[in-house]
Amino acid sequence: MSPEERIREAIEAFIARARQDLDVQGQGLALEVSTAVREQRVQAQAELERAIGAERGRRETELDAAKQRSKREQAVALGRLLSTIRELDSAMTLRGTLEALAAGARTEAPRTVLLLVDGRLLRVFGASGYSGGPAPSDVSVEADSLLVRAVEGRAPVEVPSDANALTRPLFLRPAAGQSGRLMPLAVGGNVVAVLYSEGPESPPDGQAEVWIEAIEILVRHAALRLENVTSMRTVEALTK
């Protein structure tokens, strides 16, 4: 074998060993990288699970706190409503009944106006929540179609915040995000007063706001009380 051939064989052998070494090192490096990636994935998954668990725990804590807060608020609202009903029950005059209703309505809605029916005129008996806007004033039933519906229909009427509000009396125009209710008080089939109250709009799920339900309960109870007081006065007059 010539010197050139021996040199070529030596070079080829060296290259073969180098390739083999590189292959072994490459396999080792790939194994190390794969192991590191797996460990990082496991660690990341564990951290994610811990974060999810912490978030779930935080939400559960907030939900529990919200439920407890809601229960307390409902208890307070119920107590307030019962207090007004007791005031209505203890009223022995028509005026006292109307005053109890006006006072109770103020605790349930940000804005309220109690209007007494005098023929085709609605006279302001009591109002609350209008310190920053036009004060309520006596108004004709015909001043707005919603008033006509409430008085003649003897049923609650929604007063929405919309473009038509521009034609209504100023104190019957709900602000944006607010809605109003006209609640008539009927005695013997005749509407003797109308309570206007205003508060947050009902949520999209169609359920009425709590203030609306509370106001309706008070108005219905006040109407019954007015009938009772009127009956008692009639009996007293007949027995004298």
C-alpha atoms as a PDB file:
ATOM      1  CA  MET A   1       0.000   0.000   0.000  1.00  0.00           C
ATOM      2  CA  SER A   2       1.433   3.281  -1.020  1.00  0.00           C
ATOM      3  CA  PRO A   3       1.906   6.115   1.449  1.00  0.00           C
ATOM      4  CA  GLU A   4      -0.897   8.051  -0.209  1.00  0.00           C
ATOM      5  CA  GLU A   5      -3.306   5.170   0.296  1.00  0.00           C
ATOM      6  CA  ARG A   6      -2.354   4.806   3.951  1.00  0.00           C
ATOM      7  CA  ILE A   7      -2.870   8.520   4.507  1.00  0.00           C
ATOM      8  CA  ARG A   8      -6.248   8.364   2.764  1.00  0.00           C
ATOM      9  CA  GLU A   9      -7.300   5.392   4.903  1.00  0.00           C
ATOM     10  CA  ALA A  10      -6.182   7.156   8.053  1.00  0.00           C
ATOM     11  CA  ILE A  11      -8.164  10.257   7.083  1.00  0.00           C
ATOM     12  CA  GLU A  12     -11.251   8.204   6.250  1.00  0.00           C
ATOM     13  CA  ALA A  13     -10.975   6.316   9.534  1.00  0.00           C
ATOM     14  CA  PHE A  14     -10.645   9.596  11.423  1.00  0.00           C
ATOM     15  CA  ILE A  15     -13.677  11.023   9.642  1.00  0.00           C
ATOM     16  CA  ALA A  16     -15.679   7.874  10.401  1.00  0.00           C
ATOM     17  CA  ARG A  17     -14.774   8.044  14.104  1.00  0.00           C
ATOM     18  CA  ALA A  18     -15.582  11.755  14.184  1.00  0.00           C
ATOM     19  CA  ARG A  19     -18.981  11.113  12.591  1.00  0.00           C
ATOM     20  CA  GLN A  20     -19.650   8.336  15.058  1.00  0.00           C
ATOM     21  CA  ASP A  21     -18.673  10.585  17.958  1.00  0.00           C
ATOM     22  CA  LEU A  22     -20.896  13.359  16.595  1.00  0.00           C
ATOM     23  CA  ASP A  23     -23.789  10.931  16.230  1.00  0.00           C
ATOM     24  CA  VAL A  24     -23.366   9.742  19.810  1.00  0.00           C
ATOM     25  CA  GLN A  25     -23.062  13.315  21.092  1.00  0.00           C
ATOM     26  CA  GLY A  26     -26.058  14.364  18.998  1.00  0.00           C
ATOM     27  CA  GLN A  27     -28.155  11.533  20.410  1.00  0.00           C
ATOM     28  CA  GLY A  28     -27.107  12.455  23.929  1.00  0.00           C
ATOM     29  CA  LEU A  29     -27.878  16.114  23.322  1.00  0.00           C
ATOM     30  CA  ALA A  30     -31.257  15.269  21.798  1.00  0.00           C
ATOM     31  CA  LEU A  31     -32.033  13.108  24.822  1.00  0.00           C
ATOM     32  CA  GLU A  32     -31.035  15.919  27.177  1.00  0.00           C
ATOM     33  CA  VAL A  33     -33.133  18.437  25.238  1.00  0.00           C
ATOM     34  CA  SER A  34     -36.112  16.056  25.152  1.00  0.00           C
ATOM     35  CA  THR A  35     -35.799  15.423  28.876  1.00  0.00           C
ATOM     36  CA  ALA A  36     -35.537  19.149  29.586  1.00  0.00           C
ATOM     37  CA  VAL A  37     -38.580  19.878  27.415  1.00  0.00           C
ATOM     38  CA  ARG A  38     -40.583  17.172  29.200  1.00  0.00           C
ATOM     39  CA  GLU A  39     -39.569  18.555  32.585  1.00  0.00           C
ATOM     40  CA  GLN A  40     -40.510  22.076  31.510  1.00  0.00           C
ATOM     41  CA  ARG A  41     -43.869  20.835  30.236  1.00  0.00           C
ATOM     42  CA  VAL A  42     -44.547  19.010  33.492  1.00  0.00           C
ATOM     43  CA  GLN A  43     -43.534  22.076  35.486  1.00  0.00           C
ATOM     44  CA  ALA A  44     -45.639  24.370  33.301  1.00  0.00           C
ATOM     45  CA  GLN A  45     -48.639  22.036  33.624  1.00  0.00           C
ATOM     46  CA  ALA A  46     -48.207  21.936  37.381  1.00  0.00           C
ATOM     47  CA  GLU A  47     -47.987  25.744  37.555  1.00  0.00           C
ATOM     48  CA  LEU A  48     -51.059  26.051  35.327  1.00  0.00           C
ATOM     49  CA  GLU A  49     -53.032  23.661  37.532  1.00  0.00           C
ATOM     50  CA  ARG A  50     -51.960  25.588  40.627  1.00  0.00           C
ATOM     51  CA  ALA A  51     -53.008  28.862  38.985  1.00  0.00           C
ATOM     52  CA  ILE A  52     -56.358  27.378  37.919  1.00  0.00           C
ATOM     53  CA  GLY A  53     -56.921  26.033  41.410  1.00  0.00           C
ATOM     54  CA  ALA A  54     -56.060  29.398  42.963  1.00  0.00           C
ATOM     55  CA  GLU A  55     -58.366  31.213  40.542  1.00  0.00           C
ATOM     56  CA  ARG A  56     -61.159  28.732  41.208  1.00  0.00           C
ATOM     57  CA  GLY A  57     -60.693  29.202  44.932  1.00  0.00           C
ATOM     58  CA  ARG A  58     -60.722  32.988  44.551  1.00  0.00           C
ATOM     59  CA  ARG A  59     -63.917  32.889  42.488  1.00  0.00           C
ATOM     60  CA  GLU A  60     -65.599  30.534  44.945  1.00  0.00           C
ATOM     61  CA  THR A  61     -64.651  32.861  47.786  1.00  0.00           C
ATOM     62  CA  GLU A  62     -66.008  35.874  45.894  1.00  0.00           C
ATOM     63  CA  LEU A  63     -69.186  33.970  45.022  1.00  0.00           C
ATOM     64  CA  ASP A  64     -69.719  32.972  48.644  1.00  0.00           C
ATOM     65  CA  ALA A  65     -69.142  36.564  49.740  1.00  0.00           C
ATOM     66  CA  ALA A  66     -71.592  37.814  47.089  1.00  0.00           C
ATOM     67  CA  LYS A  67     -74.210  35.315  48.232  1.00  0.00           C
ATOM     68  CA  GLN A  68     -73.795  36.359  51.846  1.00  0.00           C
ATOM     69  CA  ARG A  69     -73.962  40.021  50.850  1.00  0.00           C
ATOM     70  CA  SER A  70     -77.101  39.349  48.797  1.00  0.00           C
ATOM     71  CA  LYS A  71     -78.734  37.588  51.733  1.00  0.00           C
ATOM     72  CA  ARG A  72     -77.942  40.508  54.024  1.00  0.00           C
ATOM     73  CA  GLU A  73     -79.278  42.997  51.488  1.00  0.00           C
ATOM     74  CA  GLN A  74     -82.468  40.957  51.028  1.00  0.00           C
ATOM     75  CA  ALA A  75     -82.942  40.786  54.777  1.00  0.00           C
ATOM     76  CA  VAL A  76     -82.496  44.554  55.063  1.00  0.00           C
ATOM     77  CA  ALA A  77     -84.874  45.179  52.138  1.00  0.00           C
ATOM     78  CA  LEU A  78     -87.487  42.853  53.641  1.00  0.00           C
ATOM     79  CA  GLY A  79     -87.195  44.529  57.005  1.00  0.00           C
ATOM     80  CA  ARG A  80     -87.566  47.941  55.416  1.00  0.00           C
ATOM     81  CA  LEU A  81     -90.627  46.797  53.454  1.00  0.00           C
ATOM     82  CA  LEU A  82     -92.261  45.297  56.552  1.00  0.00           C
ATOM     83  CA  SER A  83     -91.608  48.504  58.468  1.00  0.00           C
ATOM     84  CA  THR A  84     -93.465  50.548  55.844  1.00  0.00           C
ATOM     85  CA  ILE A  85     -96.341  48.050  55.773  1.00  0.00           C
ATOM     86  CA  ARG A  86     -96.642  48.384  59.546  1.00  0.00           C
ATOM     87  CA  GLU A  87     -96.762  52.164  59.166  1.00  0.00           C
ATOM     88  CA  LEU A  88     -99.531  51.783  56.602  1.00  0.00           C
ATOM     89  CA  ASP A  89    -101.458  49.418  58.870  1.00  0.00           C
ATOM     90  CA  SER A  90    -101.228  51.848  61.779  1.00  0.00           C
ATOM     91  CA  ALA A  91    -102.452  54.834  59.743  1.00  0.00           C
ATOM     92  CA  MET A  92    -105.987  55.765  60.767  1.00  0.00           C
ATOM     93  CA  THR A  93    -106.642  58.552  58.252  1.00  0.00           C
ATOM     94  CA  LEU A  94    -106.493  58.915  54.482  1.00  0.00           C
ATOM     95  CA  ARG A  95    -103.754  61.512  54.783  1.00  0.00           C
ATOM     96  CA  GLY A  96    -101.763  59.363  57.184  1.00  0.00           C
ATOM     97  CA  THR A  97    -101.958  56.437  54.761  1.00  0.00           C
ATOM     98  CA  LEU A  98    -100.734  58.583  51.864  1.00  0.00           C
ATOM     99  CA  GLU A  99     -97.932  60.034  53.973  1.00  0.00           C
ATOM    100  CA  ALA A 100     -96.813  56.516  54.994  1.00  0.00           C
ATOM    101  CA  LEU A 101     -96.826  55.443  51.357  1.00  0.00           C
ATOM    102  CA  ALA A 102     -94.822  58.478  50.231  1.00  0.00           C
ATOM    103  CA  ALA A 103     -92.272  57.942  53.013  1.00  0.00           C
ATOM    104  CA  GLY A 104     -91.953  54.236  52.266  1.00  0.00           C
ATOM    105  CA  ALA A 105     -91.563  54.811  48.524  1.00  0.00           C
ATOM    106  CA  ARG A 106     -88.642  57.170  49.209  1.00  0.00           C
ATOM    107  CA  THR A 107     -86.722  54.300  50.822  1.00  0.00           C
ATOM    108  CA  GLU A 108     -87.223  51.996  47.825  1.00  0.00           C
ATOM    109  CA  ALA A 109     -86.605  54.198  44.764  1.00  0.00           C
ATOM    110  CA  PRO A 110     -84.220  57.107  44.070  1.00  0.00           C
ATOM    111  CA  ARG A 111     -87.050  59.297  42.731  1.00  0.00           C
ATOM    112  CA  THR A 112     -90.702  59.301  43.724  1.00  0.00           C
ATOM    113  CA  VAL A 113     -93.732  61.550  43.303  1.00  0.00           C
ATOM    114  CA  LEU A 114     -97.169  60.928  44.788  1.00  0.00           C
ATOM    115  CA  LEU A 115     -99.897  62.630  42.762  1.00  0.00           C
ATOM    116  CA  LEU A 116    -103.454  62.977  44.044  1.00  0.00           C
ATOM    117  CA  VAL A 117    -106.259  62.780  41.498  1.00  0.00           C
ATOM    118  CA  ASP A 118    -108.448  65.905  41.564  1.00  0.00           C
ATOM    119  CA  GLY A 119    -110.834  65.541  38.644  1.00  0.00           C
ATOM    120  CA  ARG A 120    -108.558  65.645  35.596  1.00  0.00           C
ATOM    121  CA  LEU A 121    -105.753  67.286  37.559  1.00  0.00           C
ATOM    122  CA  LEU A 122    -102.924  65.488  39.348  1.00  0.00           C
ATOM    123  CA  ARG A 123    -101.742  67.412  42.415  1.00  0.00           C
ATOM    124  CA  VAL A 124     -98.328  66.818  43.962  1.00  0.00           C
ATOM    125  CA  PHE A 125     -98.679  65.397  47.471  1.00  0.00           C
ATOM    126  CA  GLY A 126     -95.057  64.482  48.118  1.00  0.00           C
ATOM    127  CA  ALA A 127     -91.843  64.135  46.114  1.00  0.00           C
ATOM    128  CA  SER A 128     -88.279  62.943  46.712  1.00  0.00           C
ATOM    129  CA  GLY A 129     -85.029  62.805  44.737  1.00  0.00           C
ATOM    130  CA  TYR A 130     -85.482  65.928  42.612  1.00  0.00           C
ATOM    131  CA  SER A 131     -82.974  68.218  44.287  1.00  0.00           C
ATOM    132  CA  GLY A 132     -80.795  68.219  41.164  1.00  0.00           C
ATOM    133  CA  GLY A 133     -83.554  68.720  38.594  1.00  0.00           C
ATOM    134  CA  PRO A 134     -86.931  70.306  37.894  1.00  0.00           C
ATOM    135  CA  ALA A 135     -89.261  69.956  40.886  1.00  0.00           C
ATOM    136  CA  PRO A 136     -92.540  68.105  40.275  1.00  0.00           C
ATOM    137  CA  SER A 137     -95.608  70.276  39.802  1.00  0.00           C
ATOM    138  CA  ASP A 138     -99.341  69.792  39.384  1.00  0.00           C
ATOM    139  CA  VAL A 139    -100.143  68.437  35.948  1.00  0.00           C
ATOM    140  CA  SER A 140    -103.178  67.547  33.875  1.00  0.00           C
ATOM    141  CA  VAL A 141    -103.951  63.886  33.278  1.00  0.00           C
ATOM    142  CA  GLU A 142    -103.970  64.708  29.555  1.00  0.00           C
ATOM    143  CA  ALA A 143    -100.413  66.046  29.750  1.00  0.00           C
ATOM    144  CA  ASP A 144     -99.135  62.639  28.650  1.00  0.00           C
ATOM    145  CA  SER A 145    -100.693  59.460  27.283  1.00  0.00           C
ATOM    146  CA  LEU A 146     -98.973  57.395  29.979  1.00  0.00           C
ATOM    147  CA  LEU A 147    -100.776  59.346  32.677  1.00  0.00           C
ATOM    148  CA  VAL A 148    -104.061  58.732  30.891  1.00  0.00           C
ATOM    149  CA  ARG A 149    -103.333  55.007  30.733  1.00  0.00           C
ATOM    150  CA  ALA A 150    -102.459  54.851  34.426  1.00  0.00           C
ATOM    151  CA  VAL A 151    -105.551  56.749  35.581  1.00  0.00           C
ATOM    152  CA  GLU A 152    -108.091  55.308  33.183  1.00  0.00           C
ATOM    153  CA  GLY A 153    -106.594  51.818  32.904  1.00  0.00           C
ATOM    154  CA  ARG A 154    -106.067  51.474  36.679  1.00  0.00           C
ATOM    155  CA  ALA A 155    -102.941  49.388  36.030  1.00  0.00           C
ATOM    156  CA  PRO A 156     -99.166  49.954  36.369  1.00  0.00           C
ATOM    157  CA  VAL A 157     -97.578  51.732  33.397  1.00  0.00           C
ATOM    158  CA  GLU A 158     -93.889  51.616  32.497  1.00  0.00           C
ATOM    159  CA  VAL A 159     -92.211  54.959  31.822  1.00  0.00           C
ATOM    160  CA  PRO A 160     -89.125  54.192  29.712  1.00  0.00           C
ATOM    161  CA  SER A 161     -86.232  56.486  28.925  1.00  0.00           C
ATOM    162  CA  ASP A 162     -86.707  57.052  25.184  1.00  0.00           C
ATOM    163  CA  ALA A 163     -87.231  59.737  22.554  1.00  0.00           C
ATOM    164  CA  ASN A 164     -90.867  60.166  23.590  1.00  0.00           C
ATOM    165  CA  ALA A 165     -89.693  61.415  26.986  1.00  0.00           C
ATOM    166  CA  LEU A 166     -89.124  64.858  25.474  1.00  0.00           C
ATOM    167  CA  THR A 167     -92.880  65.415  25.284  1.00  0.00           C
ATOM    168  CA  ARG A 168     -93.548  64.429  28.895  1.00  0.00           C
ATOM    169  CA  PRO A 169     -93.573  66.674  31.964  1.00  0.00           C
ATOM    170  CA  LEU A 170     -89.994  67.238  33.074  1.00  0.00           C
ATOM    171  CA  PHE A 171     -90.299  65.296  36.324  1.00  0.00           C
ATOM    172  CA  LEU A 172     -91.549  62.215  34.430  1.00  0.00           C
ATOM    173  CA  ARG A 173     -88.457  61.892  32.216  1.00  0.00           C
ATOM    174  CA  PRO A 174     -86.179  59.077  33.434  1.00  0.00           C
ATOM    175  CA  ALA A 175     -82.457  59.596  33.048  1.00  0.00           C
ATOM    176  CA  ALA A 176     -80.391  57.332  30.804  1.00  0.00           C
ATOM    177  CA  GLY A 177     -80.202  53.841  32.287  1.00  0.00           C
ATOM    178  CA  GLN A 178     -83.234  54.541  34.442  1.00  0.00           C
ATOM    179  CA  SER A 179     -86.884  53.642  34.027  1.00  0.00           C
ATOM    180  CA  GLY A 180     -90.028  54.769  35.787  1.00  0.00           C
ATOM    181  CA  ARG A 181     -93.331  53.288  36.901  1.00  0.00           C
ATOM    182  CA  LEU A 182     -96.728  54.891  37.280  1.00  0.00           C
ATOM    183  CA  MET A 183     -98.647  52.966  39.939  1.00  0.00           C
ATOM    184  CA  PRO A 184    -102.314  53.958  40.391  1.00  0.00           C
ATOM    185  CA  LEU A 185    -104.067  53.613  43.748  1.00  0.00           C
ATOM    186  CA  ALA A 186    -107.675  52.599  43.222  1.00  0.00           C
ATOM    187  CA  VAL A 187    -110.337  52.797  45.909  1.00  0.00           C
ATOM    188  CA  GLY A 188    -113.747  51.385  45.044  1.00  0.00           C
ATOM    189  CA  GLY A 189    -112.734  51.127  41.404  1.00  0.00           C
ATOM    190  CA  ASN A 190    -111.699  54.801  41.186  1.00  0.00           C
ATOM    191  CA  VAL A 191    -108.088  55.940  40.992  1.00  0.00           C
ATOM    192  CA  VAL A 192    -107.481  58.426  43.813  1.00  0.00           C
ATOM    193  CA  ALA A 193    -103.711  58.793  43.447  1.00  0.00           C
ATOM    194  CA  VAL A 194    -100.805  57.835  41.227  1.00  0.00           C
ATOM    195  CA  LEU A 195     -97.314  57.078  42.502  1.00  0.00           C
ATOM    196  CA  TYR A 196     -94.456  57.724  40.075  1.00  0.00           C
ATOM    197  CA  SER A 197     -91.174  56.048  40.995  1.00  0.00           C
ATOM    198  CA  GLU A 198     -87.890  55.887  39.112  1.00  0.00           C
ATOM    199  CA  GLY A 199     -84.871  53.614  39.420  1.00  0.00           C
ATOM    200  CA  PRO A 200     -82.446  51.373  37.496  1.00  0.00           C
ATOM    201  CA  GLU A 201     -83.772  49.681  34.371  1.00  0.00           C
ATOM    202  CA  SER A 202     -84.706  46.019  34.557  1.00  0.00           C
ATOM    203  CA  PRO A 203     -81.889  43.610  33.572  1.00  0.00           C
ATOM    204  CA  PRO A 204     -81.882  41.925  30.121  1.00  0.00           C
ATOM    205  CA  ASP A 205     -83.108  38.630  31.616  1.00  0.00           C
ATOM    206  CA  GLY A 206     -86.565  40.174  31.943  1.00  0.00           C
ATOM    207  CA  GLN A 207     -86.723  40.022  35.729  1.00  0.00           C
ATOM    208  CA  ALA A 208     -88.017  43.139  37.427  1.00  0.00           C
ATOM    209  CA  GLU A 209     -85.706  45.187  39.613  1.00  0.00           C
ATOM    210  CA  VAL A 210     -86.292  44.700  43.336  1.00  0.00           C
ATOM    211  CA  TRP A 211     -87.339  48.327  43.777  1.00  0.00           C
ATOM    212  CA  ILE A 212     -90.194  47.875  41.277  1.00  0.00           C
ATOM    213  CA  GLU A 213     -91.597  44.875  43.145  1.00  0.00           C
ATOM    214  CA  ALA A 214     -91.264  46.629  46.497  1.00  0.00           C
ATOM    215  CA  ILE A 215     -93.061  49.743  45.204  1.00  0.00           C
ATOM    216  CA  GLU A 216     -95.894  47.654  43.756  1.00  0.00           C
ATOM    217  CA  ILE A 217     -96.357  45.820  47.072  1.00  0.00           C
ATOM    218  CA  LEU A 218     -96.532  49.123  48.935  1.00  0.00           C
ATOM    219  CA  VAL A 219     -98.982  50.675  46.484  1.00  0.00           C
ATOM    220  CA  ARG A 220    -101.300  47.676  46.566  1.00  0.00           C
ATOM    221  CA  HIS A 221    -101.207  47.565  50.364  1.00  0.00           C
ATOM    222  CA  ALA A 222    -101.807  51.324  50.581  1.00  0.00           C
ATOM    223  CA  ALA A 223    -104.820  51.008  48.270  1.00  0.00           C
ATOM    224  CA  LEU A 224    -106.285  48.316  50.522  1.00  0.00           C
ATOM    225  CA  ARG A 225    -105.610  50.464  53.560  1.00  0.00           C
ATOM    226  CA  LEU A 226    -107.317  53.447  51.946  1.00  0.00           C
ATOM    227  CA  GLU A 227    -110.367  51.283  51.308  1.00  0.00           C
ATOM    228  CA  ASN A 228    -110.359  50.101  54.926  1.00  0.00           C
ATOM    229  CA  VAL A 229    -110.027  53.623  56.301  1.00  0.00           C
ATOM    230  CA  THR A 230    -112.788  54.836  53.988  1.00  0.00           C
ATOM    231  CA  SER A 231    -115.031  51.979  55.106  1.00  0.00           C
ATOM    232  CA  MET A 232    -114.343  52.754  58.771  1.00  0.00           C
ATOM    233  CA  ARG A 233    -115.197  56.413  58.223  1.00  0.00           C
ATOM    234  CA  THR A 234    -118.410  55.413  56.465  1.00  0.00           C
ATOM    235  CA  VAL A 235    -119.400  53.079  59.288  1.00  0.00           C
ATOM    236  CA  GLU A 236    -118.621  55.770  61.882  1.00  0.00           C
ATOM    237  CA  ALA A 237    -120.751  58.297  59.999  1.00  0.00           C
ATOM    238  CA  LEU A 238    -123.679  55.873  59.709  1.00  0.00           C
ATOM    239  CA  THR A 239    -123.596  54.855  63.360  1.00  0.00           C
ATOM    240  CA  LYS A 240    -123.563  58.359  64.766  1.00  0.00           C
END
